[in-house]
PDB file of N, CA and C in Angstrom:
ATOM      1  N   SER A   1       0.859  -1.258  -0.062  1.00  0.00           N
ATOM      2  CA  SER A   1       0.005   0.038  -0.071  1.00  0.00           C
ATOM      3  C   SER A   1       0.953   1.185  -0.054  1.00  0.00           C
ATOM      4  N   ALA A   2       0.387   2.364  -0.389  1.00  0.00           N
ATOM      5  CA  ALA A   2       1.076   3.614  -0.666  1.00  0.00           C
ATOM      6  C   ALA A   2       1.263   4.212   0.818  1.00  0.00           C
ATOM      7  N   GLN A   3       2.357   5.032   1.153  1.00  0.00           N
ATOM      8  CA  GLN A   3       2.617   5.578   2.339  1.00  0.00           C
ATOM      9  C   GLN A   3       2.900   7.023   1.953  1.00  0.00           C
ATOM     10  N   VAL A   4       2.351   7.862   3.024  1.00  0.00           N
ATOM     11  CA  VAL A   4       2.576   9.416   2.927  1.00  0.00           C
ATOM     12  C   VAL A   4       3.764   9.421   3.842  1.00  0.00           C
ATOM     13  N   ARG A   5       4.824  10.174   3.096  1.00  0.00           N
ATOM     14  CA  ARG A   5       6.107  10.406   3.851  1.00  0.00           C
ATOM     15  C   ARG A   5       6.436  11.992   3.480  1.00  0.00           C
ATOM     16  N   GLY A   6       7.344  12.421   4.374  1.00  0.00           N
ATOM     17  CA  GLY A   6       7.751  13.882   4.010  1.00  0.00           C
ATOM     18  C   GLY A   6       7.755  14.920   4.968  1.00  0.00           C
ATOM     19  N   LEU A   7       7.673  16.288   4.563  1.00  0.00           N
ATOM     20  CA  LEU A   7       7.469  17.266   5.457  1.00  0.00           C
ATOM     21  C   LEU A   7       5.907  17.308   5.946  1.00  0.00           C
ATOM     22  N   CYS A   8       5.058  16.751   5.218  1.00  0.00           N
ATOM     23  CA  CYS A   8       3.772  16.893   5.801  1.00  0.00           C
ATOM     24  C   CYS A   8       3.426  15.682   6.706  1.00  0.00           C
ATOM     25  N   GLY A   9       4.524  14.664   7.044  1.00  0.00           N
ATOM     26  CA  GLY A   9       4.187  13.771   7.946  1.00  0.00           C
ATOM     27  C   GLY A   9       3.691  12.469   7.318  1.00  0.00           C
ATOM     28  N   THR A  10       3.312  11.527   8.098  1.00  0.00           N
ATOM     29  CA  THR A  10       3.134  10.253   7.789  1.00  0.00           C
ATOM     30  C   THR A  10       1.481   9.916   7.485  1.00  0.00           C
ATOM     31  N   PHE A  11       0.558  10.954   7.971  1.00  0.00           N
ATOM     32  CA  PHE A  11      -0.912  10.838   7.844  1.00  0.00           C
ATOM     33  C   PHE A  11      -1.403   9.584   8.145  1.00  0.00           C
ATOM     34  N   ASN A  12      -0.901   8.780   9.276  1.00  0.00           N
ATOM     35  CA  ASN A  12      -1.346   7.598   9.677  1.00  0.00           C
ATOM     36  C   ASN A  12      -2.086   7.468  11.015  1.00  0.00           C
ATOM     37  N   GLY A  13      -2.141   8.859  11.449  1.00  0.00           N
ATOM     38  CA  GLY A  13      -3.068   8.824  12.715  1.00  0.00           C
ATOM     39  C   GLY A  13      -2.012   8.838  14.013  1.00  0.00           C
ATOM     40  N   ASP A  14      -0.826   8.381  13.863  1.00  0.00           N
ATOM     41  CA  ASP A  14       0.168   8.130  14.901  1.00  0.00           C
ATOM     42  C   ASP A  14       1.177   9.420  14.823  1.00  0.00           C
ATOM     43  N   GLN A  15       0.964  10.456  15.707  1.00  0.00           N
ATOM     44  CA  GLN A  15       1.737  11.612  15.711  1.00  0.00           C
ATOM     45  C   GLN A  15       3.208  11.267  16.020  1.00  0.00           C
ATOM     46  N   ARG A  16       3.491  10.031  16.734  1.00  0.00           N
ATOM     47  CA  ARG A  16       4.885   9.883  16.930  1.00  0.00           C
ATOM     48  C   ARG A  16       5.879   9.603  15.780  1.00  0.00           C
ATOM     49  N   ASP A  17       5.442   9.273  14.769  1.00  0.00           N
ATOM     50  CA  ASP A  17       6.222   8.960  13.550  1.00  0.00           C
ATOM     51  C   ASP A  17       6.016  10.271  12.382  1.00  0.00           C
ATOM     52  N   ASP A  18       5.535  11.208  12.799  1.00  0.00           N
ATOM     53  CA  ASP A  18       5.457  12.255  11.712  1.00  0.00           C
ATOM     54  C   ASP A  18       6.535  13.071  11.425  1.00  0.00           C
ATOM     55  N   PHE A  19       7.784  12.879  12.412  1.00  0.00           N
ATOM     56  CA  PHE A  19       9.016  13.628  11.910  1.00  0.00           C
ATOM     57  C   PHE A  19       9.984  12.584  11.359  1.00  0.00           C
ATOM     58  N   THR A  20       9.515  11.507  10.720  1.00  0.00           N
ATOM     59  CA  THR A  20      10.523  10.609   9.997  1.00  0.00           C
ATOM     60  C   THR A  20      11.129  11.178   8.944  1.00  0.00           C
ATOM     61  N   THR A  21      12.457  11.142   9.013  1.00  0.00           N
ATOM     62  CA  THR A  21      13.473  11.838   7.864  1.00  0.00           C
ATOM     63  C   THR A  21      13.453  10.837   6.692  1.00  0.00           C
ATOM     64  N   PRO A  22      13.921  11.269   5.703  1.00  0.00           N
ATOM     65  CA  PRO A  22      14.189  10.449   4.360  1.00  0.00           C
ATOM     66  C   PRO A  22      15.077   9.033   4.746  1.00  0.00           C
ATOM     67  N   GLU A  23      15.827   9.173   5.677  1.00  0.00           N
ATOM     68  CA  GLU A  23      16.749   8.104   6.118  1.00  0.00           C
ATOM     69  C   GLU A  23      15.780   7.051   6.970  1.00  0.00           C
ATOM     70  N   GLY A  24      14.671   7.400   7.412  1.00  0.00           N
ATOM     71  CA  GLY A  24      13.957   6.587   8.333  1.00  0.00           C
ATOM     72  C   GLY A  24      14.151   6.891   9.683  1.00  0.00           C
ATOM     73  N   ASP A  25      14.904   7.777  10.089  1.00  0.00           N
ATOM     74  CA  ASP A  25      14.930   8.112  11.571  1.00  0.00           C
ATOM     75  C   ASP A  25      13.733   9.121  11.943  1.00  0.00           C
ATOM     76  N   VAL A  26      13.465   8.881  13.074  1.00  0.00           N
ATOM     77  CA  VAL A  26      12.404   9.933  13.739  1.00  0.00           C
ATOM     78  C   VAL A  26      13.054  10.862  14.619  1.00  0.00           C
ATOM     79  N   GLU A  27      12.882  12.144  14.184  1.00  0.00           N
ATOM     80  CA  GLU A  27      13.760  13.265  14.816  1.00  0.00           C
ATOM     81  C   GLU A  27      12.684  13.702  15.879  1.00  0.00           C
ATOM     82  N   PRO A  28      13.282  14.082  17.120  1.00  0.00           N
ATOM     83  CA  PRO A  28      12.287  14.477  18.281  1.00  0.00           C
ATOM     84  C   PRO A  28      12.024  16.071  18.010  1.00  0.00           C
ATOM     85  N   GLY A  29      12.779  16.987  17.297  1.00  0.00           N
ATOM     86  CA  GLY A  29      12.577  18.309  17.098  1.00  0.00           C
ATOM     87  C   GLY A  29      12.306  18.840  15.766  1.00  0.00           C
ATOM     88  N   VAL A  30      11.594  19.903  15.679  1.00  0.00           N
ATOM     89  CA  VAL A  30      11.148  20.548  14.311  1.00  0.00           C
ATOM     90  C   VAL A  30      12.564  20.726  13.592  1.00  0.00           C
ATOM     91  N   ALA A  31      13.519  21.386  14.086  1.00  0.00           N
ATOM     92  CA  ALA A  31      14.560  21.988  13.362  1.00  0.00           C
ATOM     93  C   ALA A  31      15.486  20.784  12.721  1.00  0.00           C
ATOM     94  N   ALA A  32      15.606  19.815  13.379  1.00  0.00           N
ATOM     95  CA  ALA A  32      16.461  18.723  13.055  1.00  0.00           C
ATOM     96  C   ALA A  32      15.591  18.106  12.033  1.00  0.00           C
ATOM     97  N   PHE A  33      14.340  17.901  12.012  1.00  0.00           N
ATOM     98  CA  PHE A  33      13.459  17.233  11.125  1.00  0.00           C
ATOM     99  C   PHE A  33      13.486  17.824   9.657  1.00  0.00           C
ATOM    100  N   ALA A  34      13.327  19.464   9.692  1.00  0.00           N
ATOM    101  CA  ALA A  34      13.329  20.099   8.721  1.00  0.00           C
ATOM    102  C   ALA A  34      14.763  20.207   8.036  1.00  0.00           C
ATOM    103  N   ASN A  35      15.765  20.147   8.749  1.00  0.00           N
ATOM    104  CA  ASN A  35      17.156  20.122   8.067  1.00  0.00           C
ATOM    105  C   ASN A  35      17.326  18.853   7.502  1.00  0.00           C
ATOM    106  N   ALA A  36      16.875  17.678   7.824  1.00  0.00           N
ATOM    107  CA  ALA A  36      16.949  16.407   7.163  1.00  0.00           C
ATOM    108  C   ALA A  36      16.374  16.545   5.777  1.00  0.00           C
ATOM    109  N   PHE A  37      15.530  17.399   5.444  1.00  0.00           N
ATOM    110  CA  PHE A  37      15.042  17.532   4.002  1.00  0.00           C
ATOM    111  C   PHE A  37      15.599  18.598   3.252  1.00  0.00           C
ATOM    112  N   ARG A  38      16.630  19.428   3.894  1.00  0.00           N
ATOM    113  CA  ARG A  38      17.295  20.603   3.354  1.00  0.00           C
ATOM    114  C   ARG A  38      18.228  20.265   2.290  1.00  0.00           C
ATOM    115  N   ALA A  39      18.122  20.607   0.950  1.00  0.00           N
ATOM    116  CA  ALA A  39      19.181  20.562  -0.025  1.00  0.00           C
ATOM    117  C   ALA A  39      20.353  21.173   0.344  1.00  0.00           C
ATOM    118  N   ALA A  40      21.662  20.542   0.352  1.00  0.00           N
ATOM    119  CA  ALA A  40      22.970  21.106   0.699  1.00  0.00           C
ATOM    120  C   ALA A  40      22.965  22.468  -0.157  1.00  0.00           C
ATOM    121  N   GLY A  41      23.139  23.505   0.525  1.00  0.00           N
ATOM    122  CA  GLY A  41      23.529  24.935  -0.245  1.00  0.00           C
ATOM    123  C   GLY A  41      22.279  25.660  -0.586  1.00  0.00           C
ATOM    124  N   ALA A  42      21.045  24.954  -0.546  1.00  0.00           N
ATOM    125  CA  ALA A  42      19.987  25.689  -1.037  1.00  0.00           C
ATOM    126  C   ALA A  42      19.457  26.809  -0.162  1.00  0.00           C
ATOM    127  N   CYS A  43      19.633  26.594   1.194  1.00  0.00           N
ATOM    128  CA  CYS A  43      19.305  27.539   2.145  1.00  0.00           C
ATOM    129  C   CYS A  43      20.083  27.233   3.465  1.00  0.00           C
ATOM    130  N   PRO A  44      19.965  28.001   4.456  1.00  0.00           N
ATOM    131  CA  PRO A  44      20.828  27.934   5.534  1.00  0.00           C
ATOM    132  C   PRO A  44      20.031  26.785   6.477  1.00  0.00           C
ATOM    133  N   ALA A  45      20.680  26.070   7.186  1.00  0.00           N
ATOM    134  CA  ALA A  45      20.279  25.085   8.251  1.00  0.00           C
ATOM    135  C   ALA A  45      19.281  25.860   9.463  1.00  0.00           C
ATOM    136  N   LEU A  46      18.329  25.477   9.719  1.00  0.00           N
ATOM    137  CA  LEU A  46      17.431  25.926  10.823  1.00  0.00           C
ATOM    138  C   LEU A  46      18.288  25.611  12.216  1.00  0.00           C
ATOM    139  N   GLY A  47      18.151  26.654  13.087  1.00  0.00           N
ATOM    140  CA  GLY A  47      18.795  26.551  14.350  1.00  0.00           C
ATOM    141  C   GLY A  47      17.618  26.315  15.405  1.00  0.00           C
ATOM    142  N   PRO A  48      18.047  26.268  16.605  1.00  0.00           N
ATOM    143  CA  PRO A  48      16.766  25.933  17.479  1.00  0.00           C
ATOM    144  C   PRO A  48      15.513  26.799  17.578  1.00  0.00           C
ATOM    145  N   ALA A  49      15.855  28.101  17.307  1.00  0.00           N
ATOM    146  CA  ALA A  49      14.607  29.019  17.192  1.00  0.00           C
ATOM    147  C   ALA A  49      14.248  28.981  15.852  1.00  0.00           C
ATOM    148  N   ILE A  50      13.206  28.757  15.534  1.00  0.00           N
ATOM    149  CA  ILE A  50      12.459  28.518  14.067  1.00  0.00           C
ATOM    150  C   ILE A  50      12.006  29.859  13.713  1.00  0.00           C
ATOM    151  N   PRO A  51      12.523  30.482  12.564  1.00  0.00           N
ATOM    152  CA  PRO A  51      11.947  31.840  12.235  1.00  0.00           C
ATOM    153  C   PRO A  51      10.761  31.765  11.484  1.00  0.00           C
ATOM    154  N   HIS A  52       9.848  32.553  11.522  1.00  0.00           N
ATOM    155  CA  HIS A  52       8.678  32.555  10.720  1.00  0.00           C
ATOM    156  C   HIS A  52       9.038  32.846   9.400  1.00  0.00           C
ATOM    157  N   PRO A  53       8.548  31.672   8.533  1.00  0.00           N
ATOM    158  CA  PRO A  53       9.254  31.904   6.913  1.00  0.00           C
ATOM    159  C   PRO A  53       8.625  33.053   6.255  1.00  0.00           C
ATOM    160  N   CYS A  54       7.473  33.779   6.706  1.00  0.00           N
ATOM    161  CA  CYS A  54       6.945  34.971   6.230  1.00  0.00           C
ATOM    162  C   CYS A  54       7.739  36.168   6.458  1.00  0.00           C
ATOM    163  N   HIS A  55       8.571  36.364   7.343  1.00  0.00           N
ATOM    164  CA  HIS A  55       9.374  37.386   7.863  1.00  0.00           C
ATOM    165  C   HIS A  55      10.537  37.545   7.099  1.00  0.00           C
ATOM    166  N   GLY A  56      11.201  36.406   6.418  1.00  0.00           N
ATOM    167  CA  GLY A  56      12.346  36.607   5.656  1.00  0.00           C
ATOM    168  C   GLY A  56      12.250  36.558   4.373  1.00  0.00           C
ATOM    169  N   PHE A  57      10.890  36.422   3.698  1.00  0.00           N
ATOM    170  CA  PHE A  57      10.762  36.414   2.439  1.00  0.00           C
ATOM    171  C   PHE A  57       9.210  37.057   2.024  1.00  0.00           C
ATOM    172  N   PRO A  58       9.433  38.280   1.744  1.00  0.00           N
ATOM    173  CA  PRO A  58       8.347  39.220   1.474  1.00  0.00           C
ATOM    174  C   PRO A  58       7.321  38.363   0.264  1.00  0.00           C
ATOM    175  N   GLY A  59       6.099  38.490   0.743  1.00  0.00           N
ATOM    176  CA  GLY A  59       5.131  37.664  -0.369  1.00  0.00           C
ATOM    177  C   GLY A  59       4.938  36.450  -0.300  1.00  0.00           C
ATOM    178  N   SER A  60       5.905  35.722   0.425  1.00  0.00           N
ATOM    179  CA  SER A  60       5.652  34.194   0.728  1.00  0.00           C
ATOM    180  C   SER A  60       4.509  33.629   1.248  1.00  0.00           C
ATOM    181  N   ARG A  61       3.662  34.415   1.995  1.00  0.00           N
ATOM    182  CA  ARG A  61       2.530  34.189   2.652  1.00  0.00           C
ATOM    183  C   ARG A  61       1.447  33.854   1.559  1.00  0.00           C
ATOM    184  N   GLU A  62       1.349  34.754   0.660  1.00  0.00           N
ATOM    185  CA  GLU A  62       0.377  34.708  -0.529  1.00  0.00           C
ATOM    186  C   GLU A  62       0.822  33.534  -1.357  1.00  0.00           C
ATOM    187  N   ARG A  63       2.008  33.244  -1.729  1.00  0.00           N
ATOM    188  CA  ARG A  63       2.333  32.107  -2.433  1.00  0.00           C
ATOM    189  C   ARG A  63       2.072  30.899  -1.805  1.00  0.00           C
ATOM    190  N   ALA A  64       2.354  30.730  -0.424  1.00  0.00           N
ATOM    191  CA  ALA A  64       2.172  29.521   0.321  1.00  0.00           C
ATOM    192  C   ALA A  64       0.709  29.291   0.403  1.00  0.00           C
ATOM    193  N   GLU A  65      -0.010  30.395   0.451  1.00  0.00           N
ATOM    194  CA  GLU A  65      -1.552  30.052   0.538  1.00  0.00           C
ATOM    195  C   GLU A  65      -2.092  29.433  -0.772  1.00  0.00           C
ATOM    196  N   ALA A  66      -1.667  30.126  -1.840  1.00  0.00           N
ATOM    197  CA  ALA A  66      -2.038  29.661  -3.062  1.00  0.00           C
ATOM    198  C   ALA A  66      -1.525  28.422  -3.368  1.00  0.00           C
ATOM    199  N   ALA A  67      -0.229  27.895  -3.121  1.00  0.00           N
ATOM    200  CA  ALA A  67       0.085  26.554  -3.349  1.00  0.00           C
ATOM    201  C   ALA A  67      -0.391  25.418  -2.484  1.00  0.00           C
ATOM    202  N   CYS A  68      -0.848  25.775  -1.307  1.00  0.00           N
ATOM    203  CA  CYS A  68      -1.402  24.969  -0.489  1.00  0.00           C
ATOM    204  C   CYS A  68      -2.761  24.958  -0.530  1.00  0.00           C
ATOM    205  N   ALA A  69      -3.386  25.706  -1.359  1.00  0.00           N
ATOM    206  CA  ALA A  69      -4.879  25.740  -1.317  1.00  0.00           C
ATOM    207  C   ALA A  69      -5.495  24.438  -1.775  1.00  0.00           C
ATOM    208  N   VAL A  70      -4.611  23.633  -2.553  1.00  0.00           N
ATOM    209  CA  VAL A  70      -5.099  22.315  -3.248  1.00  0.00           C
ATOM    210  C   VAL A  70      -5.233  21.364  -2.003  1.00  0.00           C
ATOM    211  N   LEU A  71      -4.560  21.504  -0.909  1.00  0.00           N
ATOM    212  CA  LEU A  71      -4.645  20.667   0.208  1.00  0.00           C
ATOM    213  C   LEU A  71      -5.894  20.723   0.987  1.00  0.00           C
ATOM    214  N   MET A  72      -6.435  22.039   0.917  1.00  0.00           N
ATOM    215  CA  MET A  72      -7.878  22.284   1.449  1.00  0.00           C
ATOM    216  C   MET A  72      -8.884  22.110   0.676  1.00  0.00           C
ATOM    217  N   GLY A  73      -8.735  21.700  -0.518  1.00  0.00           N
ATOM    218  CA  GLY A  73      -9.768  21.415  -1.613  1.00  0.00           C
ATOM    219  C   GLY A  73     -10.613  20.224  -1.506  1.00  0.00           C
ATOM    220  N   PRO A  74     -11.097  19.756  -2.340  1.00  0.00           N
ATOM    221  CA  PRO A  74     -11.922  18.425  -2.327  1.00  0.00           C
ATOM    222  C   PRO A  74     -11.218  17.281  -2.440  1.00  0.00           C
ATOM    223  N   ALA A  75     -10.012  17.205  -3.059  1.00  0.00           N
ATOM    224  CA  ALA A  75      -9.230  16.200  -3.194  1.00  0.00           C
ATOM    225  C   ALA A  75      -8.719  15.466  -1.819  1.00  0.00           C
ATOM    226  N   PHE A  76      -8.546  16.324  -0.905  1.00  0.00           N
ATOM    227  CA  PHE A  76      -8.225  15.893   0.589  1.00  0.00           C
ATOM    228  C   PHE A  76      -9.375  16.019   1.423  1.00  0.00           C
ATOM    229  N   GLN A  77     -10.621  15.952   1.067  1.00  0.00           N
ATOM    230  CA  GLN A  77     -11.581  15.999   2.066  1.00  0.00           C
ATOM    231  C   GLN A  77     -12.090  14.684   2.604  1.00  0.00           C
TER     232      GLN A  77
END
């Protein structure tokens, strides 16, 4: 059967494994989990304090809401 994986979690009803990395490890914190998906050199690694993504990238809230609108649509209801 197909499995959901990645930054959106596992979507299996068990929140304990939502921070599973591409290598199959389960990270205890958000920063380590997000850094596991970071492409080397593409962006800086997250530190212990997670900055709000909209503060560093003007216009990102609007782009994110438009891109994620499909998740709120009928396909995922």
